[in-house]
């Protein structure tokens, strides 16, 4: 494919991109590249070309996207939301394959090319959620890559049988990532919870992603326990802490010690920048060598009525709440939603450069700053060099199936 007349992410130079075998093969000034004989030609018409975004933390199994409005019914604390979600999922037929596919299409049409979703596992639902998510994501293979985390939403220790189900999912190759949640605040036994999570990951060669809602010194202590176990188990670069706002709530020396450990062991953080939770200081963490990704978290589900599935919109919230005003600062927030997320998932980041995966989108904006501030409709989205969405809508299934 030859994508002509696009501007590079710096917003200045206009170029043509030649894509071959799913990667960017050549970049040259507009008009200097000739399309090979059988090449598809797409006219970028001066649009800004940006690398595909990564939703590094979402819960598509919970979504009600595309369905009739369901008023929010959960209480204000975490335990209320967990209980409400489990109580109502049978009533509402969750996980709903149609809602999941609709949300994934919305995500892809918005320029997201890779996502990590946390799927509930517990004795009541068993592995049905994992199976339904797998069915939905398989139907959209080639449009958006989705990685599942076996997520013990209600706890591992407090819900006997959950750990065995997660182990079964790992044995059967259904998931590649073990989830955890609030080892102290929810489970009341940080050491046992984390030992179980790390043992499963080490045994089955899996990655780890722990929801850490714990605040202040409690959450910071859990972060230090995760650092210690990552080192002792040799799982450098395979561990993520989601939310992890405790690092913003402790004294400077402890925060710096934690950041040093995270950087040394390549433990990533992910942020969803939701509601009134603190915002991770992405510039400070970057200076300390800590990788940060971003995600939508829940999108229109029983945990909350908000969300669009659009990572450019999520980047807007991250930049806005961080107080970023210059194009340079806004671009740093965008990079969290691109390379930060990819690194957190152990993937190669998309870039608009020769040799990089051709996961990209075109948008009518002068710079990344304008794209994030205005969030215009994505004109074109490519996944591995194939057009998967145009003008904000995923192309017909048969069109991309034939192209893959």
Protein backbone atom coordinates (compact mmCIF):
# COMPACT_ATOMS: atom_id res chain seq x y z
CA UNK A 1 0.00 0.00 0.00
CA UNK A 2 1.11 3.55 -0.74
CA UNK A 3 -0.32 6.18 1.60
CA UNK A 4 0.39 9.49 -0.04
CA UNK A 5 0.42 13.09 1.18
CA UNK A 6 0.49 12.61 4.92
CA UNK A 7 2.24 14.76 7.48
CA UNK A 8 4.60 13.22 9.98
CA UNK A 9 3.79 13.42 13.72
CA UNK A 10 5.94 16.54 14.02
CA UNK A 11 3.25 18.23 11.91
CA UNK A 12 5.70 19.79 9.49
CA UNK A 13 6.94 17.54 6.72
CA UNK A 14 4.58 15.96 4.17
CA UNK A 15 5.53 12.49 2.99
CA UNK A 16 4.42 9.30 1.29
CA UNK A 17 4.49 5.98 3.14
CA UNK A 18 5.11 2.69 1.38
CA UNK A 19 3.83 -0.28 3.38
CA UNK A 20 4.91 -3.81 2.67
CA UNK A 21 4.12 -7.02 4.59
CA UNK A 22 2.52 -5.11 7.44
CA UNK A 23 5.42 -2.74 8.07
CA UNK A 24 6.45 0.70 6.90
CA UNK A 25 9.00 -0.05 4.18
CA UNK A 26 9.82 3.46 2.94
CA UNK A 27 9.11 7.08 3.83
CA UNK A 28 9.93 9.75 1.26
CA UNK A 29 8.89 13.31 0.37
CA UNK A 30 5.51 13.44 -1.31
CA UNK A 31 5.65 12.60 -5.01
CA UNK A 32 8.98 10.78 -4.92
CA UNK A 33 7.71 7.24 -4.33
CA UNK A 34 6.13 5.24 -7.13
CA UNK A 35 3.42 2.77 -6.18
CA UNK A 36 4.36 -0.84 -7.10
CA UNK A 37 2.16 -2.47 -9.71
CA UNK A 38 -0.44 -4.10 -7.45
CA UNK A 39 -0.26 -1.58 -4.62
CA UNK A 40 -3.37 -0.05 -3.09
CA UNK A 41 -3.10 3.76 -3.03
CA UNK A 42 -4.67 5.84 -0.27
CA UNK A 43 -4.60 9.63 -0.53
CA UNK A 44 -3.88 11.13 2.87
CA UNK A 45 -4.76 14.62 1.59
CA UNK A 46 -2.45 16.31 4.09
CA UNK A 47 -3.79 14.52 7.18
CA UNK A 48 -1.59 13.91 10.20
CA UNK A 49 -0.30 10.32 10.46
CA UNK A 50 -0.08 9.01 14.03
CA UNK A 51 0.89 5.60 15.42
CA UNK A 52 -1.86 3.25 16.60
CA UNK A 53 -2.83 3.63 20.23
CA UNK A 54 -2.85 0.99 22.97
CA UNK A 55 -5.60 0.57 25.54
CA UNK A 56 -3.45 -1.03 28.22
CA UNK A 57 -6.25 -1.40 30.77
CA UNK A 58 -9.90 -2.08 29.98
CA UNK A 59 -12.77 -4.44 30.94
CA UNK A 60 -14.69 -5.31 27.80
CA UNK A 61 -16.43 -8.24 29.52
CA UNK A 62 -18.40 -5.75 31.61
CA UNK A 63 -19.46 -3.34 28.86
CA UNK A 64 -23.03 -2.42 27.97
CA UNK A 65 -21.90 -0.56 24.85
CA UNK A 66 -24.58 -0.27 22.16
CA UNK A 67 -27.34 -1.50 24.47
CA UNK A 68 -30.26 0.30 26.05
CA UNK A 69 -29.22 2.67 28.82
CA UNK A 70 -28.80 1.05 32.24
CA UNK A 71 -28.85 3.61 35.10
CA UNK A 72 -25.96 3.27 37.52
CA UNK A 73 -26.94 1.22 40.57
CA UNK A 74 -23.72 0.53 42.52
CA UNK A 75 -22.75 2.03 45.84
CA UNK A 76 -19.84 4.39 46.33
CA UNK A 77 -17.11 2.03 47.54
CA UNK A 78 -15.13 -0.67 45.74
CA UNK A 79 -16.88 -3.58 47.47
CA UNK A 80 -20.27 -2.20 46.38
CA UNK A 81 -19.19 -2.06 42.75
CA UNK A 82 -17.81 -5.58 42.82
CA UNK A 83 -20.98 -6.96 44.41
CA UNK A 84 -23.28 -5.00 42.09
CA UNK A 85 -21.44 -6.18 38.99
CA UNK A 86 -21.62 -9.82 40.04
CA UNK A 87 -25.23 -9.58 41.19
CA UNK A 88 -26.53 -8.08 37.95
CA UNK A 89 -24.43 -9.77 35.28
CA UNK A 90 -26.81 -12.74 34.87
CA UNK A 91 -29.81 -10.43 34.76
CA UNK A 92 -28.18 -8.39 31.99
CA UNK A 93 -26.60 -11.31 30.15
CA UNK A 94 -23.00 -10.25 30.77
CA UNK A 95 -20.51 -10.73 29.29
CA UNK A 96 -22.49 -9.85 26.16
CA UNK A 97 -20.78 -10.83 22.91
CA UNK A 98 -22.67 -8.23 20.90
CA UNK A 99 -21.77 -5.40 23.27
CA UNK A 100 -18.13 -6.49 23.35
CA UNK A 101 -17.88 -6.62 19.56
CA UNK A 102 -19.54 -3.22 19.29
CA UNK A 103 -17.08 -1.72 21.75
CA UNK A 104 -14.08 -3.30 20.06
CA UNK A 105 -15.25 -1.86 16.72
CA UNK A 106 -15.58 1.55 18.35
CA UNK A 107 -12.08 1.24 19.81
CA UNK A 108 -10.60 0.19 16.45
CA UNK A 109 -12.39 2.96 14.57
CA UNK A 110 -10.87 5.42 17.04
CA UNK A 111 -7.31 4.31 16.25
CA UNK A 112 -6.69 1.72 18.97
CA UNK A 113 -4.83 -1.25 17.53
CA UNK A 114 -3.95 -3.16 20.71
CA UNK A 115 -5.78 -3.66 24.03
CA UNK A 116 -5.39 -5.57 27.28
CA UNK A 117 -8.70 -6.53 28.86
CA UNK A 118 -9.22 -7.87 32.37
CA UNK A 119 -11.84 -10.65 32.39
CA UNK A 120 -13.57 -11.67 35.61
CA UNK A 121 -12.92 -15.18 36.89
CA UNK A 122 -14.70 -16.50 39.97
CA UNK A 123 -16.53 -19.68 41.04
CA UNK A 124 -19.90 -18.35 39.87
CA UNK A 125 -18.98 -17.41 36.31
CA UNK A 126 -16.12 -19.87 35.98
CA UNK A 127 -14.24 -19.45 32.69
CA UNK A 128 -17.35 -18.46 30.71
CA UNK A 129 -16.21 -14.83 30.58
CA UNK A 130 -12.80 -15.82 29.22
CA UNK A 131 -14.50 -17.94 26.56
CA UNK A 132 -16.96 -15.23 25.52
CA UNK A 133 -14.24 -12.58 25.28
CA UNK A 134 -12.12 -14.96 23.21
CA UNK A 135 -15.03 -15.54 20.82
CA UNK A 136 -15.63 -11.80 20.39
CA UNK A 137 -11.97 -10.97 19.88
CA UNK A 138 -11.45 -13.84 17.43
CA UNK A 139 -14.18 -12.41 15.22
CA UNK A 140 -12.24 -9.14 15.08
CA UNK A 141 -8.81 -10.66 14.60
CA UNK A 142 -6.84 -8.43 12.27
CA UNK A 143 -8.83 -5.35 13.29
CA UNK A 144 -7.60 -5.03 16.86
CA UNK A 145 -5.29 -7.27 18.90
CA UNK A 146 -6.66 -8.13 22.33
CA UNK A 147 -4.82 -9.76 25.22
CA UNK A 148 -6.80 -11.19 28.14
CA UNK A 149 -5.92 -11.10 31.83
CA UNK A 150 -7.56 -13.73 34.06
CA UNK A 151 -8.78 -11.28 36.68
CA UNK A 152 -9.92 -12.27 40.19
CA UNK A 153 -12.23 -9.27 40.61
CA UNK A 154 -13.67 -10.57 43.90
CA UNK A 155 -10.35 -11.81 45.24
CA UNK A 156 -8.20 -14.93 45.13
CA UNK A 157 -8.01 -15.85 48.80
CA UNK A 158 -11.45 -14.59 49.72
CA UNK A 159 -13.11 -16.52 46.87
CA UNK A 160 -12.00 -20.15 47.20
CA UNK A 161 -11.79 -21.88 43.84
CA UNK A 162 -10.78 -18.77 41.88
CA UNK A 163 -7.07 -19.58 41.87
CA UNK A 164 -7.79 -23.06 40.52
CA UNK A 165 -9.88 -21.60 37.71
CA UNK A 166 -7.12 -19.16 36.76
CA UNK A 167 -4.63 -22.02 36.75
CA UNK A 168 -6.94 -23.98 34.46
CA UNK A 169 -7.13 -21.02 32.08
CA UNK A 170 -3.33 -20.88 32.02
CA UNK A 171 -3.01 -24.63 31.50
CA UNK A 172 -5.42 -24.48 28.58
CA UNK A 173 -3.62 -21.54 26.99
CA UNK A 174 -6.72 -19.35 27.26
CA UNK A 175 -4.85 -16.38 28.79
CA UNK A 176 -1.29 -15.10 28.90
CA UNK A 177 -1.56 -12.88 31.97
CA UNK A 178 -2.44 -13.43 35.65
CA UNK A 179 -4.37 -10.71 37.44
CA UNK A 180 -4.36 -9.67 41.06
CA UNK A 181 -6.25 -7.15 43.15
CA UNK A 182 -5.58 -5.17 46.35
CA UNK A 183 -3.62 -7.83 48.26
CA UNK A 184 -3.99 -6.02 51.58
CA UNK A 185 -7.18 -3.95 51.41
CA UNK A 186 -9.35 -6.65 49.82
CA UNK A 187 -7.54 -9.90 50.55
CA UNK A 188 -6.10 -9.00 53.99
CA UNK A 189 -2.96 -11.05 53.27
CA UNK A 190 -0.53 -9.37 50.91
CA UNK A 191 2.15 -12.04 51.07
CA UNK A 192 -0.13 -14.99 50.32
CA UNK A 193 -1.97 -13.18 47.55
CA UNK A 194 1.19 -12.03 45.78
CA UNK A 195 2.95 -15.36 46.27
CA UNK A 196 0.02 -17.10 44.58
CA UNK A 197 -0.02 -14.65 41.66
CA UNK A 198 3.76 -14.84 41.14
CA UNK A 199 3.83 -18.63 41.50
CA UNK A 200 1.19 -19.02 38.80
CA UNK A 201 3.00 -16.61 36.47
CA UNK A 202 6.37 -18.29 37.00
CA UNK A 203 4.95 -21.80 36.55
CA UNK A 204 3.14 -21.04 33.30
CA UNK A 205 5.42 -18.38 31.80
CA UNK A 206 2.70 -15.76 32.12
CA UNK A 207 2.75 -12.02 32.69
CA UNK A 208 1.24 -10.26 35.72
CA UNK A 209 -1.11 -7.28 36.00
CA UNK A 210 -2.26 -6.33 39.50
CA UNK A 211 -5.09 -3.86 40.16
CA UNK A 212 -3.79 -1.69 42.98
CA UNK A 213 -6.48 0.64 44.31
CA UNK A 214 -4.81 0.74 47.72
CA UNK A 215 -3.96 4.27 48.78
CA UNK A 216 -1.18 5.97 50.72
CA UNK A 217 1.37 4.01 52.69
CA UNK A 218 -0.64 0.78 52.38
CA UNK A 219 -0.52 0.89 48.59
CA UNK A 220 3.12 1.96 48.63
CA UNK A 221 3.99 -1.03 50.83
CA UNK A 222 2.27 -3.34 48.34
CA UNK A 223 4.27 -1.76 45.52
CA UNK A 224 7.48 -2.54 47.39
CA UNK A 225 6.36 -6.14 47.91
CA UNK A 226 5.73 -6.43 44.16
CA UNK A 227 9.19 -5.03 43.44
CA UNK A 228 10.78 -7.59 45.79
CA UNK A 229 8.93 -10.51 44.19
CA UNK A 230 9.62 -9.37 40.66
CA UNK A 231 13.31 -9.41 41.48
CA UNK A 232 13.27 -12.77 43.29
CA UNK A 233 11.15 -14.51 40.61
CA UNK A 234 13.16 -13.00 37.74
CA UNK A 235 10.07 -11.52 36.08
CA UNK A 236 11.64 -8.25 34.95
CA UNK A 237 9.63 -6.56 32.21
CA UNK A 238 6.61 -8.84 32.76
CA UNK A 239 4.79 -7.10 35.61
CA UNK A 240 2.28 -4.23 35.54
CA UNK A 241 0.64 -2.35 38.39
CA UNK A 242 -2.64 -0.78 37.33
CA UNK A 243 -3.84 2.49 38.91
CA UNK A 244 -1.10 2.51 41.60
CA UNK A 245 -1.85 6.06 42.72
CA UNK A 246 -0.24 5.40 46.11
CA UNK A 247 3.09 6.51 44.66
CA UNK A 248 1.65 10.06 44.54
CA UNK A 249 0.58 10.01 48.20
CA UNK A 250 3.73 9.12 50.13
CA UNK A 251 6.77 11.20 51.02
CA UNK A 252 9.33 12.04 48.37
CA UNK A 253 12.00 9.61 49.57
CA UNK A 254 9.65 6.62 49.55
CA UNK A 255 8.21 7.61 46.18
CA UNK A 256 11.70 7.89 44.72
CA UNK A 257 12.72 4.54 46.18
CA UNK A 258 9.66 2.89 44.66
CA UNK A 259 10.26 4.57 41.29
CA UNK A 260 13.87 3.37 41.29
CA UNK A 261 12.71 -0.21 41.90
CA UNK A 262 10.06 -0.01 39.19
CA UNK A 263 12.59 1.34 36.69
CA UNK A 264 15.26 -1.23 37.56
CA UNK A 265 12.89 -4.17 37.10
CA UNK A 266 10.95 -2.68 34.19
CA UNK A 267 7.67 -2.83 36.10
CA UNK A 268 5.15 -0.68 34.25
CA UNK A 269 2.30 1.36 35.67
CA UNK A 270 -0.98 1.97 33.89
CA UNK A 271 -3.37 4.81 34.52
CA UNK A 272 -6.98 5.34 33.51
CA UNK A 273 -7.23 8.88 34.91
CA UNK A 274 -10.83 8.23 35.93
CA UNK A 275 -13.19 10.23 38.11
CA UNK A 276 -11.43 11.99 41.01
CA UNK A 277 -8.50 9.60 41.43
CA UNK A 278 -5.04 11.21 41.47
CA UNK A 279 -3.20 11.48 38.17
CA UNK A 280 0.11 9.69 37.89
CA UNK A 281 2.93 12.26 37.39
CA UNK A 282 3.96 10.93 34.00
CA UNK A 283 6.78 13.41 33.39
CA UNK A 284 8.41 12.77 36.77
CA UNK A 285 8.05 9.01 36.32
CA UNK A 286 9.51 9.22 32.82
CA UNK A 287 12.52 11.13 34.15
CA UNK A 288 13.02 8.34 36.69
CA UNK A 289 12.84 5.70 33.98
CA UNK A 290 9.40 4.31 34.87
CA UNK A 291 7.21 3.25 31.96
CA UNK A 292 3.55 4.31 32.11
CA UNK A 293 0.70 3.15 29.86
CA UNK A 294 -2.92 4.25 29.77
CA UNK A 295 -6.34 2.71 29.34
CA UNK A 296 -10.06 3.41 29.39
CA UNK A 297 -10.79 1.09 32.33
CA UNK A 298 -14.55 0.45 32.32
CA UNK A 299 -16.56 1.73 29.37
CA UNK A 300 -20.27 2.24 30.00
CA UNK A 301 -20.78 -0.64 32.38
CA UNK A 302 -22.09 -1.45 35.85
CA UNK A 303 -19.10 0.30 37.40
CA UNK A 304 -19.87 3.63 35.77
CA UNK A 305 -21.93 5.20 32.97
CA UNK A 306 -19.07 7.01 31.23
CA UNK A 307 -16.52 6.23 28.53
CA UNK A 308 -16.28 6.10 24.76
CA UNK A 309 -13.53 3.54 24.15
CA UNK A 310 -11.50 6.28 22.42
CA UNK A 311 -7.89 6.41 23.62
CA UNK A 312 -7.45 9.86 22.08
CA UNK A 313 -10.20 11.02 24.43
CA UNK A 314 -8.50 9.25 27.34
CA UNK A 315 -5.26 11.03 26.37
CA UNK A 316 -7.18 14.30 26.49
CA UNK A 317 -8.17 13.60 30.11
CA UNK A 318 -4.61 12.63 31.03
CA UNK A 319 -3.14 15.78 29.47
CA UNK A 320 -5.88 18.06 30.80
CA UNK A 321 -5.72 16.80 34.37
CA UNK A 322 -1.91 16.93 34.24
CA UNK A 323 -2.15 20.63 33.41
CA UNK A 324 -0.41 20.20 30.05
CA UNK A 325 -0.90 23.13 27.68
CA UNK A 326 2.00 23.09 25.21
CA UNK A 327 2.09 20.80 22.18
CA UNK A 328 5.27 19.20 23.53
CA UNK A 329 3.66 18.30 26.87
CA UNK A 330 0.46 17.05 25.23
CA UNK A 331 2.58 14.87 22.93
CA UNK A 332 4.16 13.28 26.00
CA UNK A 333 0.68 12.24 27.17
CA UNK A 334 -0.04 10.82 23.72
CA UNK A 335 3.17 8.79 23.88
CA UNK A 336 1.88 7.18 27.10
CA UNK A 337 -1.12 5.95 25.07
CA UNK A 338 1.15 4.60 22.32
CA UNK A 339 4.62 3.41 23.34
CA UNK A 340 3.90 3.32 27.07
CA UNK A 341 1.01 0.94 26.61
CA UNK A 342 2.87 -1.27 24.15
CA UNK A 343 5.89 -1.58 26.44
CA UNK A 344 3.62 -2.41 29.39
CA UNK A 345 2.18 -5.30 27.38
CA UNK A 346 5.60 -6.45 26.20
CA UNK A 347 4.89 -5.44 22.60
CA UNK A 348 6.74 -3.45 19.99
CA UNK A 349 5.49 0.14 19.96
CA UNK A 350 4.00 1.46 16.75
CA UNK A 351 5.98 4.33 15.21
CA UNK A 352 5.79 6.28 11.98
CA UNK A 353 9.25 5.19 10.89
CA UNK A 354 10.81 2.71 8.51
CA UNK A 355 10.64 -0.84 9.82
CA UNK A 356 7.90 -0.15 12.34
CA UNK A 357 4.58 -2.02 12.32
CA UNK A 358 2.08 -0.29 10.02
CA UNK A 359 -0.41 0.31 12.83
CA UNK A 360 -1.43 3.90 12.34
CA UNK A 361 -4.27 6.34 11.80
CA UNK A 362 -4.86 9.57 9.91
CA UNK A 363 -6.56 12.56 11.47
CA UNK A 364 -7.27 16.11 10.36
CA UNK A 365 -5.11 18.08 12.78
CA UNK A 366 -2.04 20.27 12.54
CA UNK A 367 -0.16 18.59 15.42
CA UNK A 368 -0.55 15.93 18.08
CA UNK A 369 -1.60 18.72 20.42
CA UNK A 370 -4.55 19.64 18.21
CA UNK A 371 -5.46 16.00 17.67
CA UNK A 372 -5.70 15.41 21.43
CA UNK A 373 -7.48 18.69 22.15
CA UNK A 374 -10.02 18.40 19.32
CA UNK A 375 -10.31 14.59 19.01
CA UNK A 376 -11.53 14.70 15.39
CA UNK A 377 -12.96 11.66 13.63
CA UNK A 378 -10.20 9.31 12.53
CA UNK A 379 -10.09 9.49 8.74
CA UNK A 380 -8.30 6.17 8.19
CA UNK A 381 -7.04 3.41 10.50
CA UNK A 382 -4.52 0.76 9.43
CA UNK A 383 -3.75 -2.45 11.28
CA UNK A 384 -0.65 -4.23 9.95
CA UNK A 385 -0.98 -2.26 6.75
CA UNK A 386 -4.65 -3.14 6.15
CA UNK A 387 -7.44 -0.54 6.23
CA UNK A 388 -9.70 -1.54 9.12
CA UNK A 389 -11.63 1.70 9.63
CA UNK A 390 -12.57 4.72 7.57
CA UNK A 391 -14.20 7.98 8.68
CA UNK A 392 -14.88 6.69 12.18
CA UNK A 393 -16.38 3.33 11.20
CA UNK A 394 -14.87 -0.14 10.94
CA UNK A 395 -15.02 -1.36 7.36
CA UNK A 396 -17.23 -4.33 6.49
CA UNK A 397 -15.99 -7.63 7.91
CA UNK A 398 -15.58 -9.25 4.51
CA UNK A 399 -13.42 -6.37 3.27
CA UNK A 400 -10.68 -6.74 5.87
CA UNK A 401 -11.01 -10.55 5.97
CA UNK A 402 -10.19 -10.69 2.26
CA UNK A 403 -7.26 -8.34 2.73
CA UNK A 404 -5.60 -10.29 5.53
